[in-house]
Amino acid sequence: MRNPGGAVIDRHLIEGGCGELHTMIAEALDKRNDRVSLLSKDVKHSPSLVNQGIIEGTFTYGGNHLTGKKFETEYSQCLDEWWSTRIEKFANFVTAGNYLDRAKYLVAWGGGVSLPVVDQNLADLGFVILNNPQFINALGLKLLTQISLGA
């Protein structure tokens, strides 16, 4: 959160990032009982393959015709649950510190910010979404290193 002068008032990490969402989706795929899923019913689905399907924008798990499964339904269902708990945690933090009265901007960054639907949900709540939100921390650390080295 930033005050009207642009200074950071507070930073707050909301636990349970998008990795938790990927795990929820993978577990939902584990519970599927359709014909394609019966071939791999004893196989645990990988959160990293869920992430890959989200990044590629295909919402498809796996890369071949035997394991490829669309997971838009699971994404939507799990996202609703994941989002509601995250926004509740943030709302509790903001109201407990009376930050809405002092903040000029609410800024969001991190990997979850650029997830489909999440970016729009945050914008609808008035958050400023930074460019390349998943790399902001790394870019900040790079800048701090350059400053400390006098580069």
N, C-alpha and C. Protein backbone atom coordinates (compact mmCIF):
# COMPACT_ATOMS: atom_id res chain seq x y z
N MET A 1 0.85 -1.16 0.00
CA MET A 1 0.00 0.00 0.00
C MET A 1 0.89 1.23 0.00
N ARG A 2 0.47 2.20 -0.76
CA ARG A 2 1.25 3.43 -0.85
C ARG A 2 0.40 4.60 -0.37
N ASN A 3 1.06 5.56 0.29
CA ASN A 3 0.35 6.74 0.75
C ASN A 3 0.26 7.76 -0.39
N PRO A 4 -0.44 8.89 -0.20
CA PRO A 4 -0.57 9.86 -1.28
C PRO A 4 0.76 10.37 -1.83
N GLY A 5 1.82 10.37 -1.02
CA GLY A 5 3.13 10.80 -1.50
C GLY A 5 3.88 9.72 -2.25
N GLY A 6 3.34 8.51 -2.31
CA GLY A 6 3.96 7.42 -3.03
C GLY A 6 4.82 6.51 -2.19
N ALA A 7 5.00 6.84 -0.90
CA ALA A 7 5.81 5.99 -0.03
C ALA A 7 5.03 4.73 0.33
N VAL A 8 5.74 3.65 0.51
CA VAL A 8 5.11 2.39 0.90
C VAL A 8 4.68 2.49 2.36
N ILE A 9 3.40 2.27 2.62
CA ILE A 9 2.87 2.28 3.98
C ILE A 9 3.12 0.92 4.62
N ASP A 10 2.84 -0.13 3.88
CA ASP A 10 3.00 -1.47 4.43
C ASP A 10 3.04 -2.46 3.29
N ARG A 11 3.68 -3.58 3.54
CA ARG A 11 3.69 -4.71 2.61
C ARG A 11 3.07 -5.88 3.35
N HIS A 12 2.30 -6.67 2.64
CA HIS A 12 1.68 -7.82 3.29
C HIS A 12 1.68 -8.99 2.33
N LEU A 13 2.31 -10.08 2.74
CA LEU A 13 2.32 -11.30 1.95
C LEU A 13 1.11 -12.12 2.35
N ILE A 14 0.31 -12.47 1.37
CA ILE A 14 -0.82 -13.35 1.64
C ILE A 14 -0.36 -14.77 1.36
N GLU A 15 -0.33 -15.57 2.41
CA GLU A 15 0.15 -16.94 2.30
C GLU A 15 -0.74 -17.75 1.36
N GLY A 16 -0.16 -18.79 0.79
CA GLY A 16 -0.93 -19.68 -0.07
C GLY A 16 -1.01 -19.15 -1.48
N GLY A 17 0.13 -18.94 -2.10
CA GLY A 17 0.17 -18.40 -3.45
C GLY A 17 -0.42 -19.33 -4.48
N CYS A 18 -0.12 -19.05 -5.73
CA CYS A 18 -0.75 -19.79 -6.82
C CYS A 18 -0.33 -21.26 -6.83
N GLY A 19 0.78 -21.61 -6.19
CA GLY A 19 1.15 -23.02 -6.08
C GLY A 19 0.08 -23.81 -5.34
N GLU A 20 -0.53 -23.17 -4.36
CA GLU A 20 -1.62 -23.82 -3.63
C GLU A 20 -2.82 -24.04 -4.56
N LEU A 21 -3.09 -23.08 -5.42
CA LEU A 21 -4.18 -23.23 -6.39
C LEU A 21 -3.87 -24.38 -7.34
N HIS A 22 -2.64 -24.46 -7.83
CA HIS A 22 -2.26 -25.55 -8.75
C HIS A 22 -2.45 -26.91 -8.07
N THR A 23 -2.10 -26.99 -6.79
CA THR A 23 -2.27 -28.24 -6.05
C THR A 23 -3.75 -28.59 -5.91
N MET A 24 -4.57 -27.59 -5.63
CA MET A 24 -6.02 -27.83 -5.52
C MET A 24 -6.58 -28.39 -6.83
N ILE A 25 -6.14 -27.82 -7.95
CA ILE A 25 -6.62 -28.29 -9.26
C ILE A 25 -6.14 -29.71 -9.51
N ALA A 26 -4.86 -29.98 -9.22
CA ALA A 26 -4.32 -31.34 -9.42
C ALA A 26 -5.10 -32.35 -8.58
N GLU A 27 -5.43 -32.00 -7.35
CA GLU A 27 -6.20 -32.90 -6.49
C GLU A 27 -7.61 -33.10 -7.02
N ALA A 28 -8.20 -32.06 -7.60
CA ALA A 28 -9.53 -32.19 -8.21
C ALA A 28 -9.45 -33.14 -9.42
N LEU A 29 -8.37 -33.04 -10.18
CA LEU A 29 -8.19 -33.96 -11.32
C LEU A 29 -8.01 -35.40 -10.83
N ASP A 30 -7.35 -35.57 -9.68
CA ASP A 30 -7.19 -36.91 -9.11
C ASP A 30 -8.55 -37.56 -8.83
N LYS A 31 -9.53 -36.76 -8.51
CA LYS A 31 -10.85 -37.27 -8.12
C LYS A 31 -11.81 -37.46 -9.29
N ARG A 32 -11.38 -37.04 -10.49
CA ARG A 32 -12.24 -37.20 -11.66
C ARG A 32 -12.54 -38.67 -11.92
N ASN A 33 -13.73 -38.92 -12.47
CA ASN A 33 -14.12 -40.29 -12.71
C ASN A 33 -14.64 -40.47 -14.14
N ASP A 34 -14.05 -39.78 -15.11
CA ASP A 34 -14.46 -39.94 -16.50
C ASP A 34 -13.61 -41.00 -17.18
N ARG A 35 -13.93 -41.33 -18.44
CA ARG A 35 -13.23 -42.43 -19.13
C ARG A 35 -11.73 -42.18 -19.28
N VAL A 36 -11.35 -40.95 -19.63
CA VAL A 36 -9.93 -40.65 -19.79
C VAL A 36 -9.20 -40.78 -18.46
N SER A 37 -9.83 -40.35 -17.39
CA SER A 37 -9.21 -40.39 -16.07
C SER A 37 -9.05 -41.82 -15.55
N LEU A 38 -9.90 -42.73 -16.00
CA LEU A 38 -9.79 -44.11 -15.54
C LEU A 38 -8.47 -44.75 -15.94
N LEU A 39 -7.88 -44.29 -17.06
CA LEU A 39 -6.58 -44.81 -17.50
C LEU A 39 -5.47 -44.47 -16.51
N SER A 40 -5.64 -43.34 -15.83
CA SER A 40 -4.58 -42.89 -14.91
C SER A 40 -5.10 -42.68 -13.50
N LYS A 41 -6.06 -43.50 -13.09
CA LYS A 41 -6.71 -43.27 -11.79
C LYS A 41 -5.77 -43.43 -10.60
N ASP A 42 -4.69 -44.18 -10.74
CA ASP A 42 -3.74 -44.35 -9.63
C ASP A 42 -2.58 -43.38 -9.72
N VAL A 43 -2.60 -42.51 -10.70
CA VAL A 43 -1.52 -41.54 -10.89
C VAL A 43 -1.92 -40.21 -10.26
N LYS A 44 -1.03 -39.66 -9.44
CA LYS A 44 -1.28 -38.34 -8.85
C LYS A 44 -0.95 -37.27 -9.89
N HIS A 45 -1.86 -36.34 -10.09
CA HIS A 45 -1.63 -35.27 -11.05
C HIS A 45 -0.63 -34.27 -10.48
N SER A 46 0.16 -33.71 -11.35
CA SER A 46 1.24 -32.82 -10.96
C SER A 46 0.81 -31.36 -11.01
N PRO A 47 1.00 -30.61 -9.92
CA PRO A 47 0.72 -29.18 -9.95
C PRO A 47 1.52 -28.44 -11.02
N SER A 48 2.73 -28.92 -11.32
CA SER A 48 3.55 -28.23 -12.33
C SER A 48 2.95 -28.38 -13.73
N LEU A 49 2.31 -29.52 -14.02
CA LEU A 49 1.64 -29.66 -15.32
C LEU A 49 0.35 -28.84 -15.37
N VAL A 50 -0.29 -28.67 -14.23
CA VAL A 50 -1.44 -27.76 -14.17
C VAL A 50 -0.96 -26.34 -14.48
N ASN A 51 0.13 -25.93 -13.83
CA ASN A 51 0.69 -24.60 -14.06
C ASN A 51 1.03 -24.42 -15.54
N GLN A 52 1.62 -25.43 -16.15
CA GLN A 52 1.99 -25.34 -17.56
C GLN A 52 0.76 -25.09 -18.42
N GLY A 53 -0.33 -25.78 -18.15
CA GLY A 53 -1.56 -25.59 -18.91
C GLY A 53 -2.15 -24.20 -18.73
N ILE A 54 -1.98 -23.62 -17.54
CA ILE A 54 -2.47 -22.26 -17.29
C ILE A 54 -1.59 -21.25 -18.02
N ILE A 55 -0.28 -21.40 -17.92
CA ILE A 55 0.64 -20.48 -18.58
C ILE A 55 0.44 -20.49 -20.09
N GLU A 56 0.26 -21.68 -20.66
CA GLU A 56 0.06 -21.80 -22.11
C GLU A 56 -1.32 -21.31 -22.54
N GLY A 57 -2.23 -21.17 -21.57
CA GLY A 57 -3.57 -20.70 -21.89
C GLY A 57 -4.47 -21.77 -22.48
N THR A 58 -4.02 -23.04 -22.44
CA THR A 58 -4.82 -24.13 -23.00
C THR A 58 -5.72 -24.78 -21.96
N PHE A 59 -5.39 -24.61 -20.68
CA PHE A 59 -6.09 -25.27 -19.58
C PHE A 59 -6.20 -26.77 -19.86
N THR A 60 -5.09 -27.33 -20.37
CA THR A 60 -5.00 -28.75 -20.66
C THR A 60 -3.88 -29.34 -19.82
N TYR A 61 -4.20 -30.45 -19.14
CA TYR A 61 -3.22 -31.15 -18.33
C TYR A 61 -2.54 -32.18 -19.21
N GLY A 62 -1.22 -32.22 -19.18
CA GLY A 62 -0.48 -33.22 -19.92
C GLY A 62 -0.32 -32.83 -21.38
N GLY A 63 0.57 -33.54 -22.05
CA GLY A 63 0.90 -33.15 -23.40
C GLY A 63 0.62 -34.17 -24.47
N ASN A 64 -0.05 -35.27 -24.14
CA ASN A 64 -0.33 -36.23 -25.20
C ASN A 64 -1.81 -36.60 -25.22
N HIS A 65 -2.22 -37.34 -26.22
CA HIS A 65 -3.63 -37.65 -26.38
C HIS A 65 -4.17 -38.61 -25.32
N LEU A 66 -3.29 -39.31 -24.61
CA LEU A 66 -3.74 -40.21 -23.55
C LEU A 66 -3.98 -39.50 -22.23
N THR A 67 -3.11 -38.55 -21.91
CA THR A 67 -3.23 -37.88 -20.61
C THR A 67 -3.81 -36.48 -20.71
N GLY A 68 -3.91 -35.95 -21.90
CA GLY A 68 -4.40 -34.58 -22.05
C GLY A 68 -5.83 -34.44 -21.58
N LYS A 69 -6.03 -33.58 -20.60
CA LYS A 69 -7.37 -33.35 -20.04
C LYS A 69 -7.59 -31.86 -19.91
N LYS A 70 -8.70 -31.39 -20.38
CA LYS A 70 -9.09 -30.00 -20.17
C LYS A 70 -9.49 -29.84 -18.71
N PHE A 71 -9.07 -28.73 -18.09
CA PHE A 71 -9.42 -28.54 -16.68
C PHE A 71 -10.00 -27.16 -16.40
N GLU A 72 -10.72 -26.59 -17.39
CA GLU A 72 -11.34 -25.28 -17.16
C GLU A 72 -12.34 -25.32 -16.00
N THR A 73 -13.11 -26.40 -15.90
CA THR A 73 -14.10 -26.51 -14.83
C THR A 73 -13.43 -26.54 -13.47
N GLU A 74 -12.38 -27.36 -13.35
CA GLU A 74 -11.66 -27.44 -12.08
C GLU A 74 -10.98 -26.11 -11.76
N TYR A 75 -10.45 -25.45 -12.79
CA TYR A 75 -9.82 -24.13 -12.57
C TYR A 75 -10.84 -23.17 -11.99
N SER A 76 -11.99 -23.10 -12.61
CA SER A 76 -13.02 -22.16 -12.16
C SER A 76 -13.47 -22.46 -10.74
N GLN A 77 -13.73 -23.72 -10.45
CA GLN A 77 -14.20 -24.10 -9.11
C GLN A 77 -13.13 -23.84 -8.05
N CYS A 78 -11.91 -24.28 -8.33
CA CYS A 78 -10.83 -24.12 -7.35
C CYS A 78 -10.45 -22.65 -7.19
N LEU A 79 -10.49 -21.90 -8.29
CA LEU A 79 -10.16 -20.48 -8.23
C LEU A 79 -11.13 -19.74 -7.32
N ASP A 80 -12.42 -20.05 -7.42
CA ASP A 80 -13.41 -19.40 -6.56
C ASP A 80 -13.08 -19.62 -5.09
N GLU A 81 -12.75 -20.85 -4.73
CA GLU A 81 -12.41 -21.15 -3.33
C GLU A 81 -11.11 -20.48 -2.92
N TRP A 82 -10.09 -20.60 -3.76
CA TRP A 82 -8.78 -20.01 -3.49
C TRP A 82 -8.88 -18.50 -3.36
N TRP A 83 -9.57 -17.86 -4.29
CA TRP A 83 -9.71 -16.40 -4.31
C TRP A 83 -10.44 -15.91 -3.06
N SER A 84 -11.53 -16.57 -2.69
CA SER A 84 -12.32 -16.08 -1.55
C SER A 84 -11.51 -16.10 -0.26
N THR A 85 -10.68 -17.11 -0.07
CA THR A 85 -9.88 -17.13 1.16
C THR A 85 -8.76 -16.10 1.11
N ARG A 86 -8.20 -15.84 -0.06
CA ARG A 86 -7.14 -14.84 -0.17
C ARG A 86 -7.69 -13.43 0.05
N ILE A 87 -8.79 -13.12 -0.55
CA ILE A 87 -9.33 -11.77 -0.44
C ILE A 87 -9.85 -11.52 0.98
N GLU A 88 -10.34 -12.57 1.64
CA GLU A 88 -10.78 -12.43 3.03
C GLU A 88 -9.59 -12.11 3.93
N LYS A 89 -8.46 -12.80 3.73
CA LYS A 89 -7.26 -12.52 4.51
C LYS A 89 -6.79 -11.09 4.29
N PHE A 90 -6.82 -10.65 3.04
CA PHE A 90 -6.37 -9.30 2.75
C PHE A 90 -7.32 -8.27 3.35
N ALA A 91 -8.61 -8.50 3.23
CA ALA A 91 -9.60 -7.56 3.79
C ALA A 91 -9.42 -7.43 5.30
N ASN A 92 -9.18 -8.54 5.99
CA ASN A 92 -8.95 -8.50 7.44
C ASN A 92 -7.71 -7.68 7.76
N PHE A 93 -6.64 -7.84 6.98
CA PHE A 93 -5.41 -7.10 7.19
C PHE A 93 -5.63 -5.61 6.98
N VAL A 94 -6.30 -5.25 5.90
CA VAL A 94 -6.51 -3.83 5.56
C VAL A 94 -7.39 -3.14 6.59
N THR A 95 -8.47 -3.79 6.98
CA THR A 95 -9.38 -3.14 7.93
C THR A 95 -8.79 -3.06 9.33
N ALA A 96 -8.00 -4.06 9.72
CA ALA A 96 -7.38 -4.03 11.06
C ALA A 96 -6.38 -2.89 11.18
N GLY A 97 -5.75 -2.50 10.10
CA GLY A 97 -4.74 -1.43 10.15
C GLY A 97 -5.25 -0.08 9.67
N ASN A 98 -6.54 0.04 9.39
CA ASN A 98 -7.12 1.29 8.87
C ASN A 98 -6.34 1.83 7.66
N TYR A 99 -5.88 0.93 6.81
CA TYR A 99 -5.07 1.34 5.67
C TYR A 99 -5.87 2.02 4.57
N LEU A 100 -7.13 1.70 4.43
CA LEU A 100 -7.91 2.30 3.35
C LEU A 100 -8.03 3.81 3.50
N ASP A 101 -8.00 4.31 4.73
CA ASP A 101 -8.07 5.74 4.96
C ASP A 101 -6.75 6.44 4.61
N ARG A 102 -5.66 5.71 4.69
CA ARG A 102 -4.34 6.31 4.47
C ARG A 102 -3.73 6.01 3.11
N ALA A 103 -4.19 4.96 2.45
CA ALA A 103 -3.55 4.51 1.21
C ALA A 103 -4.12 5.25 -0.01
N LYS A 104 -3.24 5.59 -0.91
CA LYS A 104 -3.67 6.13 -2.20
C LYS A 104 -3.82 5.01 -3.21
N TYR A 105 -2.94 4.00 -3.13
CA TYR A 105 -2.96 2.88 -4.05
C TYR A 105 -2.87 1.56 -3.30
N LEU A 106 -3.50 0.56 -3.84
CA LEU A 106 -3.27 -0.82 -3.44
C LEU A 106 -2.59 -1.46 -4.64
N VAL A 107 -1.38 -1.96 -4.43
CA VAL A 107 -0.58 -2.50 -5.51
C VAL A 107 -0.43 -4.01 -5.31
N ALA A 108 -0.64 -4.76 -6.39
CA ALA A 108 -0.52 -6.22 -6.31
C ALA A 108 0.58 -6.70 -7.24
N TRP A 109 1.36 -7.68 -6.75
CA TRP A 109 2.37 -8.30 -7.60
C TRP A 109 2.55 -9.74 -7.16
N GLY A 110 3.27 -10.49 -7.95
CA GLY A 110 3.51 -11.90 -7.69
C GLY A 110 2.90 -12.74 -8.80
N GLY A 111 3.22 -14.01 -8.80
CA GLY A 111 2.76 -14.90 -9.86
C GLY A 111 1.25 -15.01 -9.98
N GLY A 112 0.55 -15.00 -8.85
CA GLY A 112 -0.90 -15.15 -8.88
C GLY A 112 -1.65 -13.98 -9.47
N VAL A 113 -1.00 -12.82 -9.49
CA VAL A 113 -1.66 -11.61 -9.99
C VAL A 113 -2.02 -11.73 -11.47
N SER A 114 -1.21 -12.44 -12.24
CA SER A 114 -1.45 -12.52 -13.67
C SER A 114 -2.28 -13.73 -14.07
N LEU A 115 -2.80 -14.48 -13.10
CA LEU A 115 -3.65 -15.62 -13.42
C LEU A 115 -4.94 -15.14 -14.08
N PRO A 116 -5.46 -15.90 -15.06
CA PRO A 116 -6.74 -15.53 -15.65
C PRO A 116 -7.82 -15.37 -14.58
N VAL A 117 -8.57 -14.34 -14.66
CA VAL A 117 -9.67 -13.95 -13.76
C VAL A 117 -9.13 -13.17 -12.56
N VAL A 118 -8.02 -13.59 -11.97
CA VAL A 118 -7.47 -12.92 -10.78
C VAL A 118 -7.11 -11.48 -11.13
N ASP A 119 -6.45 -11.28 -12.27
CA ASP A 119 -6.07 -9.92 -12.65
C ASP A 119 -7.28 -9.00 -12.74
N GLN A 120 -8.37 -9.50 -13.30
CA GLN A 120 -9.58 -8.67 -13.42
C GLN A 120 -10.25 -8.47 -12.07
N ASN A 121 -10.26 -9.50 -11.23
CA ASN A 121 -10.83 -9.37 -9.88
C ASN A 121 -10.10 -8.28 -9.10
N LEU A 122 -8.77 -8.28 -9.17
CA LEU A 122 -7.98 -7.27 -8.46
C LEU A 122 -8.23 -5.87 -9.02
N ALA A 123 -8.27 -5.75 -10.34
CA ALA A 123 -8.54 -4.45 -10.96
C ALA A 123 -9.93 -3.94 -10.56
N ASP A 124 -10.90 -4.83 -10.51
CA ASP A 124 -12.26 -4.44 -10.11
C ASP A 124 -12.30 -3.93 -8.67
N LEU A 125 -11.38 -4.41 -7.83
CA LEU A 125 -11.31 -3.95 -6.44
C LEU A 125 -10.48 -2.67 -6.29
N GLY A 126 -9.90 -2.19 -7.39
CA GLY A 126 -9.14 -0.95 -7.35
C GLY A 126 -7.64 -1.12 -7.21
N PHE A 127 -7.15 -2.33 -7.33
CA PHE A 127 -5.71 -2.56 -7.25
C PHE A 127 -5.01 -2.06 -8.51
N VAL A 128 -3.80 -1.57 -8.33
CA VAL A 128 -2.92 -1.26 -9.45
C VAL A 128 -2.13 -2.54 -9.72
N ILE A 129 -2.16 -2.99 -10.96
CA ILE A 129 -1.43 -4.19 -11.35
C ILE A 129 -0.16 -3.74 -12.07
N LEU A 130 0.98 -4.13 -11.53
CA LEU A 130 2.26 -3.74 -12.12
C LEU A 130 2.58 -4.58 -13.35
N ASN A 131 3.37 -4.02 -14.27
CA ASN A 131 3.83 -4.79 -15.41
C ASN A 131 4.72 -5.92 -14.92
N ASN A 132 4.64 -7.06 -15.57
CA ASN A 132 5.44 -8.23 -15.20
C ASN A 132 5.35 -8.53 -13.70
N PRO A 133 4.14 -8.70 -13.16
CA PRO A 133 4.00 -8.83 -11.71
C PRO A 133 4.75 -10.01 -11.11
N GLN A 134 4.98 -11.06 -11.90
CA GLN A 134 5.68 -12.22 -11.36
C GLN A 134 7.18 -12.00 -11.20
N PHE A 135 7.72 -10.93 -11.82
CA PHE A 135 9.16 -10.68 -11.75
C PHE A 135 9.53 -9.45 -10.92
N ILE A 136 8.55 -8.78 -10.32
CA ILE A 136 8.81 -7.54 -9.59
C ILE A 136 9.84 -7.75 -8.48
N ASN A 137 9.68 -8.81 -7.68
CA ASN A 137 10.63 -9.05 -6.59
C ASN A 137 12.03 -9.26 -7.12
N ALA A 138 12.16 -10.05 -8.19
CA ALA A 138 13.49 -10.31 -8.76
C ALA A 138 14.11 -9.03 -9.31
N LEU A 139 13.31 -8.21 -9.97
CA LEU A 139 13.82 -6.95 -10.51
C LEU A 139 14.24 -6.00 -9.38
N GLY A 140 13.49 -5.99 -8.30
CA GLY A 140 13.85 -5.17 -7.14
C GLY A 140 15.16 -5.62 -6.51
N LEU A 141 15.33 -6.93 -6.39
CA LEU A 141 16.58 -7.45 -5.84
C LEU A 141 17.76 -7.13 -6.75
N LYS A 142 17.53 -7.18 -8.04
CA LYS A 142 18.59 -6.84 -9.00
C LYS A 142 19.01 -5.36 -8.81
N LEU A 143 18.01 -4.49 -8.69
CA LEU A 143 18.28 -3.07 -8.48
C LEU A 143 19.04 -2.84 -7.18
N LEU A 144 18.61 -3.49 -6.10
CA LEU A 144 19.32 -3.35 -4.81
C LEU A 144 20.76 -3.82 -4.92
N THR A 145 20.99 -4.90 -5.63
CA THR A 145 22.35 -5.42 -5.82
C THR A 145 23.19 -4.41 -6.59
N GLN A 146 22.61 -3.87 -7.65
CA GLN A 146 23.35 -2.89 -8.45
C GLN A 146 23.71 -1.65 -7.63
N ILE A 147 22.76 -1.22 -6.80
CA ILE A 147 23.01 -0.05 -5.95
C ILE A 147 24.12 -0.35 -4.94
N SER A 148 24.04 -1.52 -4.30
CA SER A 148 25.04 -1.85 -3.29
C SER A 148 26.43 -2.06 -3.89
N LEU A 149 26.49 -2.47 -5.15
CA LEU A 149 27.78 -2.66 -5.81
C LEU A 149 28.27 -1.40 -6.51
N GLY A 150 27.41 -0.38 -6.50
CA GLY A 150 27.76 0.88 -7.17
C GLY A 150 27.75 0.78 -8.69
N ALA A 151 26.98 -0.16 -9.19
CA ALA A 151 26.92 -0.35 -10.65
C ALA A 151 25.95 0.62 -11.30
